[in-house]
Structures are given as C-alpha cells and as structure tokens.
Protein backbone atom coordinates (compact mmCIF):
# COMPACT_ATOMS: atom_id res chain seq x y z
CA UNK A 1 -32.65 -3.80 -124.34
CA UNK A 2 -31.96 -0.71 -126.43
CA UNK A 3 -34.66 1.21 -124.52
CA UNK A 4 -33.01 0.36 -121.20
CA UNK A 5 -29.56 1.52 -122.42
CA UNK A 6 -30.94 4.80 -123.70
CA UNK A 7 -32.71 5.25 -120.37
CA UNK A 8 -29.46 4.80 -118.44
CA UNK A 9 -27.69 7.26 -120.71
CA UNK A 10 -30.40 9.85 -120.15
CA UNK A 11 -30.23 9.36 -116.42
CA UNK A 12 -26.44 9.65 -116.51
CA UNK A 13 -26.53 12.92 -118.43
CA UNK A 14 -29.08 14.30 -115.96
CA UNK A 15 -26.98 13.31 -113.00
CA UNK A 16 -23.87 14.84 -114.61
CA UNK A 17 -25.67 18.09 -115.22
CA UNK A 18 -26.93 18.14 -111.67
CA UNK A 19 -23.42 17.51 -110.34
CA UNK A 20 -21.96 20.29 -112.49
CA UNK A 21 -24.64 22.68 -111.40
CA UNK A 22 -24.19 21.89 -107.74
CA UNK A 23 -20.38 22.19 -108.01
CA UNK A 24 -20.66 25.55 -109.73
CA UNK A 25 -22.99 26.81 -107.02
CA UNK A 26 -20.53 25.71 -104.35
CA UNK A 27 -17.66 27.41 -106.16
CA UNK A 28 -19.68 30.62 -106.48
CA UNK A 29 -20.44 30.52 -102.73
CA UNK A 30 -16.81 29.82 -101.81
CA UNK A 31 -15.26 32.43 -104.13
CA UNK A 32 -17.68 35.29 -104.76
CA UNK A 33 -15.13 37.25 -106.72
CA UNK A 34 -15.06 34.61 -109.43
CA UNK A 35 -18.87 34.57 -109.88
CA UNK A 36 -18.82 37.17 -112.65
CA UNK A 37 -15.98 35.44 -114.49
CA UNK A 38 -17.63 32.06 -114.26
CA UNK A 39 -20.97 33.40 -115.42
CA UNK A 40 -19.38 35.27 -118.33
CA UNK A 41 -17.30 32.28 -119.47
CA UNK A 42 -19.85 29.57 -118.81
CA UNK A 43 -20.98 29.55 -122.39
CA UNK A 44 -17.43 29.40 -123.78
CA UNK A 45 -15.51 26.19 -123.96
CA UNK A 46 -12.17 27.96 -123.35
CA UNK A 47 -11.29 31.33 -121.73
CA UNK A 48 -10.76 34.18 -124.19
CA UNK A 49 -7.65 36.30 -124.59
CA UNK A 50 -9.41 39.17 -122.82
CA UNK A 51 -9.73 36.94 -119.75
CA UNK A 52 -5.99 36.22 -119.83
CA UNK A 53 -5.16 39.90 -120.19
CA UNK A 54 -7.51 40.79 -117.34
CA UNK A 55 -5.89 38.19 -115.10
CA UNK A 56 -2.40 39.45 -115.94
CA UNK A 57 -3.45 43.03 -115.26
CA UNK A 58 -4.91 41.99 -111.93
CA UNK A 59 -1.69 40.29 -110.98
CA UNK A 60 0.34 43.39 -111.82
CA UNK A 61 -2.00 45.63 -109.83
CA UNK A 62 -1.84 43.23 -106.90
CA UNK A 63 1.94 43.29 -106.99
CA UNK A 64 2.00 47.09 -107.08
CA UNK A 65 -0.42 47.30 -104.20
CA UNK A 66 1.62 44.83 -102.17
CA UNK A 67 4.82 46.79 -102.82
CA UNK A 68 3.14 50.01 -101.72
CA UNK A 69 2.05 48.36 -98.48
CA UNK A 70 5.65 47.28 -97.81
CA UNK A 71 6.94 50.81 -98.55
CA UNK A 72 4.36 52.30 -96.17
CA UNK A 73 5.42 49.92 -93.42
CA UNK A 74 9.06 50.84 -94.05
CA UNK A 75 8.29 54.57 -93.85
CA UNK A 76 6.77 54.07 -90.39
CA UNK A 77 10.00 52.53 -89.10
CA UNK A 78 12.59 54.53 -91.02
CA UNK A 79 10.75 57.86 -91.17
CA UNK A 80 9.05 59.72 -94.00
CA UNK A 81 11.32 60.27 -96.98
CA UNK A 82 12.38 63.91 -97.13
CA UNK A 83 11.50 65.82 -100.30
CA UNK A 84 14.23 67.23 -102.51
CA UNK A 85 14.85 70.95 -102.23
CA UNK A 86 16.88 73.04 -104.71
CA UNK A 87 19.85 74.35 -102.72
CA UNK A 88 21.88 77.23 -104.18
CA UNK A 89 25.14 75.31 -103.72
CA UNK A 90 24.09 72.08 -105.43
CA UNK A 91 25.16 72.81 -109.01
CA UNK A 92 28.59 71.98 -110.39
CA UNK A 93 29.30 75.65 -111.04
CA UNK A 94 27.57 76.93 -107.86
CA UNK A 95 29.17 77.94 -104.55
CA UNK A 96 27.99 78.30 -100.97
CA UNK A 97 25.91 81.27 -99.92
CA UNK A 98 28.36 82.72 -97.36
CA UNK A 99 25.79 85.12 -95.94
CA UNK A 100 23.57 82.09 -95.25
CA UNK A 101 26.52 80.30 -93.59
CA UNK A 102 27.00 83.33 -91.29
CA UNK A 103 23.30 83.38 -90.38
CA UNK A 104 23.34 79.61 -89.90
CA UNK A 105 26.25 79.85 -87.45
CA UNK A 106 24.29 82.38 -85.47
CA UNK A 107 21.29 80.01 -85.34
CA UNK A 108 23.54 77.21 -84.17
CA UNK A 109 25.22 79.40 -81.58
CA UNK A 110 21.95 80.72 -80.09
CA UNK A 111 19.68 77.70 -80.52
CA UNK A 112 21.56 74.47 -81.15
CA UNK A 113 24.80 74.88 -79.19
CA UNK A 114 22.99 74.42 -75.86
CA UNK A 115 22.65 70.65 -76.59
CA UNK A 116 24.67 69.78 -79.67
CA UNK A 117 28.43 69.93 -80.04
CA UNK A 118 30.59 70.49 -83.12
CA UNK A 119 33.90 69.21 -81.79
CA UNK A 120 35.46 68.72 -85.23
CA UNK A 121 35.09 72.37 -86.28
CA UNK A 122 37.61 75.05 -85.25
CA UNK A 123 37.23 78.83 -85.06
CA UNK A 124 40.00 79.38 -87.58
CA UNK A 125 37.91 77.61 -90.25
CA UNK A 126 35.35 80.46 -90.08
CA UNK A 127 37.94 83.04 -91.16
CA UNK A 128 37.37 84.11 -94.74
CA UNK A 129 34.18 82.06 -95.01
CA UNK A 130 31.64 83.94 -92.90
CA UNK A 131 33.75 86.10 -90.53
CA UNK A 132 36.87 88.19 -90.70
CA UNK A 133 39.86 87.23 -88.57
CA UNK A 134 39.07 89.84 -85.93
CA UNK A 135 35.41 88.77 -85.68
CA UNK A 136 36.41 85.10 -85.35
CA UNK A 137 38.91 86.02 -82.59
CA UNK A 138 36.18 87.88 -80.71
CA UNK A 139 33.82 84.93 -80.99
CA UNK A 140 36.49 82.54 -79.80
CA UNK A 141 37.43 84.76 -76.86
CA UNK A 142 33.80 84.63 -75.61
CA UNK A 143 34.28 80.94 -74.75
CA UNK A 144 36.37 79.47 -71.93
CA UNK A 145 38.73 76.59 -72.66
CA UNK A 146 40.32 74.33 -70.07
CA UNK A 147 44.06 74.17 -70.62
CA UNK A 148 47.15 73.08 -68.81
CA UNK A 149 48.82 71.96 -66.81
CA UNK A 150 50.64 75.10 -65.83
CA UNK A 151 53.99 75.38 -64.09
CA UNK A 152 52.33 74.28 -60.81
CA UNK A 153 50.79 71.22 -62.46
CA UNK A 154 47.25 72.52 -62.31
CA UNK A 155 44.62 72.88 -65.02
CA UNK A 156 43.31 76.34 -65.73
CA UNK A 157 40.81 78.06 -67.98
CA UNK A 158 41.61 80.65 -70.60
CA UNK A 159 39.74 82.54 -73.34
CA UNK A 160 39.35 80.61 -76.57
CA UNK A 161 41.66 81.13 -79.51
CA UNK A 162 41.37 80.53 -83.24
CA UNK A 163 43.02 77.12 -83.12
CA UNK A 164 40.53 75.85 -80.50
CA UNK A 165 37.61 73.64 -81.41
CA UNK A 166 34.03 74.64 -80.75
CA UNK A 167 33.17 74.07 -77.08
CA UNK A 168 31.03 71.09 -76.12
CA UNK A 169 27.96 71.75 -73.95
CA UNK A 170 28.58 68.59 -71.87
CA UNK A 171 31.69 67.07 -70.30
CA UNK A 172 30.91 63.55 -71.54
CA UNK A 173 28.18 61.35 -73.03
CA UNK A 174 26.83 60.30 -69.65
CA UNK A 175 26.29 63.91 -68.63
CA UNK A 176 24.54 64.62 -71.93
CA UNK A 177 22.16 61.66 -71.51
CA UNK A 178 21.39 62.59 -67.90
CA UNK A 179 20.49 66.15 -68.94
CA UNK A 180 18.25 65.01 -71.81
CA UNK A 181 16.28 62.19 -70.25
CA UNK A 182 18.43 59.42 -71.68
CA UNK A 183 18.66 60.81 -75.23
CA UNK A 184 22.15 61.67 -76.56
CA UNK A 185 22.28 64.79 -78.79
CA UNK A 186 24.56 63.88 -81.71
CA UNK A 187 27.53 65.95 -82.81
CA UNK A 188 26.51 68.13 -85.76
CA UNK A 189 29.87 68.62 -87.49
CA UNK A 190 29.35 65.77 -90.00
CA UNK A 191 25.65 65.21 -89.61
CA UNK A 192 24.84 66.41 -93.14
CA UNK A 193 26.99 63.63 -94.63
CA UNK A 194 26.07 61.05 -92.03
CA UNK A 195 22.32 61.09 -92.65
CA UNK A 196 20.49 59.73 -95.65
CA UNK A 197 19.47 62.57 -97.97
CA UNK A 198 21.64 64.86 -95.86
CA UNK A 199 20.58 68.48 -96.04
CA UNK A 200 17.02 67.67 -97.21
CA UNK A 201 16.57 65.46 -94.15
CA UNK A 202 17.87 68.14 -91.76
CA UNK A 203 15.60 70.84 -93.21
CA UNK A 204 12.57 68.56 -93.24
CA UNK A 205 13.23 67.44 -89.67
CA UNK A 206 13.53 71.03 -88.38
CA UNK A 207 10.31 72.12 -90.08
CA UNK A 208 8.36 68.86 -89.81
CA UNK A 209 6.98 69.05 -86.28
CA UNK A 210 3.20 68.55 -86.08
CA UNK A 211 0.50 67.00 -83.94
CA UNK A 212 0.33 63.19 -84.11
CA UNK A 213 -2.44 61.89 -86.36
CA UNK A 214 -5.42 59.93 -85.09
CA UNK A 215 -4.46 56.52 -83.79
CA UNK A 216 -0.87 57.42 -82.96
CA UNK A 217 0.12 58.26 -79.39
CA UNK A 218 3.49 59.66 -78.33
CA UNK A 219 4.62 59.18 -74.79
CA UNK A 220 5.40 62.08 -72.51
CA UNK A 221 8.74 63.73 -73.21
CA UNK A 222 8.74 62.93 -76.93
CA UNK A 223 7.43 64.92 -79.89
CA UNK A 224 5.88 63.73 -83.14
CA UNK A 225 7.95 64.26 -86.29
CA UNK A 226 7.22 62.02 -89.28
CA UNK A 227 10.72 62.51 -90.76
CA UNK A 228 12.43 61.04 -87.71
CA UNK A 229 12.75 57.23 -87.66
CA UNK A 230 9.92 55.91 -85.51
CA UNK A 231 8.09 59.28 -85.59
CA UNK A 232 8.91 60.20 -81.95
CA UNK A 233 11.87 62.49 -81.24
CA UNK A 234 13.19 63.77 -77.92
CA UNK A 235 14.14 67.19 -79.28
CA UNK A 236 11.25 69.72 -79.17
CA UNK A 237 10.61 72.21 -81.90
CA UNK A 238 13.35 74.79 -81.43
CA UNK A 239 12.94 77.13 -84.39
CA UNK A 240 10.15 79.71 -84.13
CA UNK A 241 9.46 82.88 -86.08
CA UNK A 242 11.63 85.71 -84.73
CA UNK A 243 13.67 83.42 -82.49
CA UNK A 244 16.93 84.88 -83.83
CA UNK A 245 17.75 88.40 -84.90
CA UNK A 246 19.96 88.52 -88.00
CA UNK A 247 22.57 91.20 -88.40
CA UNK A 248 21.81 91.77 -92.08
CA UNK A 249 18.08 92.35 -91.47
CA UNK A 250 16.85 89.13 -93.05
CA UNK A 251 13.40 88.12 -91.67
CA UNK A 252 14.10 85.33 -89.22
CA UNK A 253 11.18 83.01 -89.98
CA UNK A 254 11.32 79.40 -88.81
CA UNK A 255 11.89 78.13 -92.37
CA UNK A 256 14.61 80.77 -92.97
CA UNK A 257 16.43 79.72 -89.79
CA UNK A 258 16.15 76.07 -90.83
CA UNK A 259 17.53 76.83 -94.29
CA UNK A 260 20.44 78.83 -92.91
CA UNK A 261 21.49 76.32 -90.21
CA UNK A 262 21.21 73.53 -92.76
CA UNK A 263 23.55 75.44 -95.11
CA UNK A 264 25.97 75.96 -92.20
CA UNK A 265 25.91 72.26 -91.28
CA UNK A 266 26.39 71.25 -94.90
CA UNK A 267 29.43 73.55 -95.12
CA UNK A 268 30.85 72.15 -91.89
CA UNK A 269 30.68 68.67 -93.42
CA UNK A 270 32.16 69.77 -96.78
CA UNK A 271 34.18 72.91 -96.00
CA UNK A 272 36.43 72.62 -99.08
CA UNK A 273 33.71 72.01 -101.60
CA UNK A 274 34.12 75.34 -103.41
CA UNK A 275 37.93 74.96 -103.68
CA UNK A 276 37.53 71.42 -104.99
CA UNK A 277 35.09 72.58 -107.65
CA UNK A 278 37.42 75.38 -108.80
CA UNK A 279 40.30 72.89 -108.92
CA UNK A 280 38.13 70.47 -110.95
CA UNK A 281 37.21 73.18 -113.44
CA UNK A 282 40.88 74.12 -113.87
CA UNK A 283 41.82 70.49 -114.33
CA UNK A 284 39.17 70.03 -117.01
CA UNK A 285 40.39 73.10 -118.87
CA UNK A 286 43.99 71.89 -118.73
CA UNK A 287 43.00 68.42 -119.92
CA UNK A 288 41.06 69.93 -122.81
CA UNK A 289 44.06 72.03 -123.85
CA UNK A 290 46.44 69.03 -123.57
CA UNK A 291 44.10 66.90 -125.67
CA UNK A 292 44.15 69.60 -128.39
CA UNK A 293 47.95 69.68 -128.39
CA UNK A 294 48.09 65.88 -128.46
CA UNK A 295 45.72 65.72 -131.44
CA UNK A 296 47.75 68.34 -133.35
CA UNK A 297 51.02 66.59 -132.58
CA UNK A 298 49.64 63.28 -133.77
CA UNK A 299 48.50 64.77 -137.07
CA UNK A 300 51.86 66.55 -137.54
CA UNK A 301 53.91 63.43 -136.91
CA UNK A 302 51.81 60.98 -138.90
CA UNK A 303 51.01 63.28 -141.86
CA UNK A 304 54.24 62.31 -143.80
CA UNK A 305 53.68 58.63 -143.13
CA UNK A 306 50.04 58.63 -144.16
CA UNK A 307 50.57 60.86 -147.22
CA UNK A 308 53.61 59.09 -148.74
CA UNK A 309 53.22 56.93 -151.81
CA UNK A 310 54.94 53.55 -152.00
CA UNK A 311 55.81 52.26 -155.53
CA UNK A 312 56.96 48.70 -155.97
CA UNK A 313 58.89 47.57 -159.07
CA UNK A 314 58.09 44.01 -159.73
CA UNK A 315 60.83 42.10 -161.60
CA UNK A 316 59.33 39.67 -164.06
C-alpha cells in the first residue's frame, strides 16, 4: 500500500513538472520579449528589486515614447514649432530698431502689398517712427483713394493723405479669393499678435520654404512649408536675395528682408510699445520714491510712540 502511494506521488510530481515545462514553453513562444526575464528569474522564487526597477524604467520610457509620437502627430497638423529668435526689441529696456521698421515697410510695400492688406494702419502712424512728415505725405500721395460723394452726388478718387488707411489690394474678400485660387490672404496689421509665437512664426514661415520630403506630396498650386499648419501653403516663396534695394545700403538677403518685415509687422501690432515701456519705467521710479517717503514718514511718526517709557505706580 505504501509503495503504491509513493508511486502515485512520483507520477504526480512528474506530471506537474511536465505541465510547468510545457506552459513555460508556450509562454515563451507567445511573448518572446519575456523569454530573457523568465529565464533569468526561473531559479528565483520571487522577482528581485532590480526586476521591479527595470519594469518601472520600461514603463517610463514607454510613456515618453508615446508622448513623443503624439507630439509628432500634432506637429504634422499644426505645423512645426518655430524656434525662438533673439529680437532687439524683446528686452524690457529695449526699443524698436526704427531703421529696420523703415526697411520692413519697404519690403511690405514692394512684395507683400500686392496680396495682403493692412487696413488698420494709417499713414500718419509712420510719422516720427520711420519717416518724416514730408516723406509720409509723399508716400500717401502715391496712392489713390475713393472718396465722396461730391456736390453732384458722385464718388471720385483723390491722392491719399496722412489720415487715410493703407490701401487694400482687393475690393472685397470674394475678389481676393478669386485672384488667389480660393485662398484668402489675411490682413497683416495684427498678424504678429494673432499667431502663436508671433514674430518667430512669421520669420520661420518666410524663410522655411523647402522641397517636400520623401513620402509627402503637395498638390499643384501649393508649396511645402513645415511651419504652416498642414505643411501646404498657397503663398509661394516671395523673398529672394536682392529682391529689394534698401536706401541705407543694407544687403537685401532673403533672411534680412524677412527680419525687417517681421519687425515692421510686430510694430504695426504693438505701435505704442516703446512709449508704454518708458511710462512703466517712470511709474516704477515714482513708486520707489513714494515708498521711500512712506517709510521715512512711518518711522518719524511712530518713533515717539515706540521709544516712550511707560511707568506704572502700583498702589499696595
């Protein structure tokens, strides 16, 4: 009887070992990545701390990789994020480069004004910033403005004046879309503040034209620019080396033109930035002086109270 029981126990252990071996082989075939872990921990009854740390590190790396995949997919739809450039007017104590604003206006006038309007900017705003009053009057007089009605009730055209806004290249939005294959060129007056990363986006867009990479096709009439949402833009590359001749003799490279017109568009969005900074500096100085007077007055008024000695006579 004892021999039969021991025989059954031996057979049971053998069957259990065979089942464990077969199940481990199936697991190794189903999940090859776990083969090394299973083989390394087969002799241990419980997983070591190193295995837990390795699993945690793998989870962190997987999360980072997944987040990078999501960011890459977002860049395809929203456009490549523009790098940050150090502009001379960024600092708290810095001001606009007015020579660059003048050059940027010339780039806009000769390159951009054929398609883009700046209807919220007036000729008078250029006086004292990048042109004298006489120069601004001459520039305004070169344009024709529809005015009226006159005494006969008819509309007429006249030379532009300082109080006139910049002329629009198209009569309305429908005419603009018809002339540009369905695309509507946006107004550039406030574009620097209306786009994410503002001036960096504008500069990157103007200098970011390139051939589409392998696997990406752009339909006819569009141009590849990774900084534009979707990567395909209807505006061709407009800035080329020597495309504009500057009055001050600055070499008119494509990047220089992009920098100047970006400065001009940033100024058109924030035309009173320099005055606001000067006012802020004056306010800080005045507040500092007033705080000094307030501190002195406080010490002067409270000195007798804090320095007096109170003696109490206690009656027994």
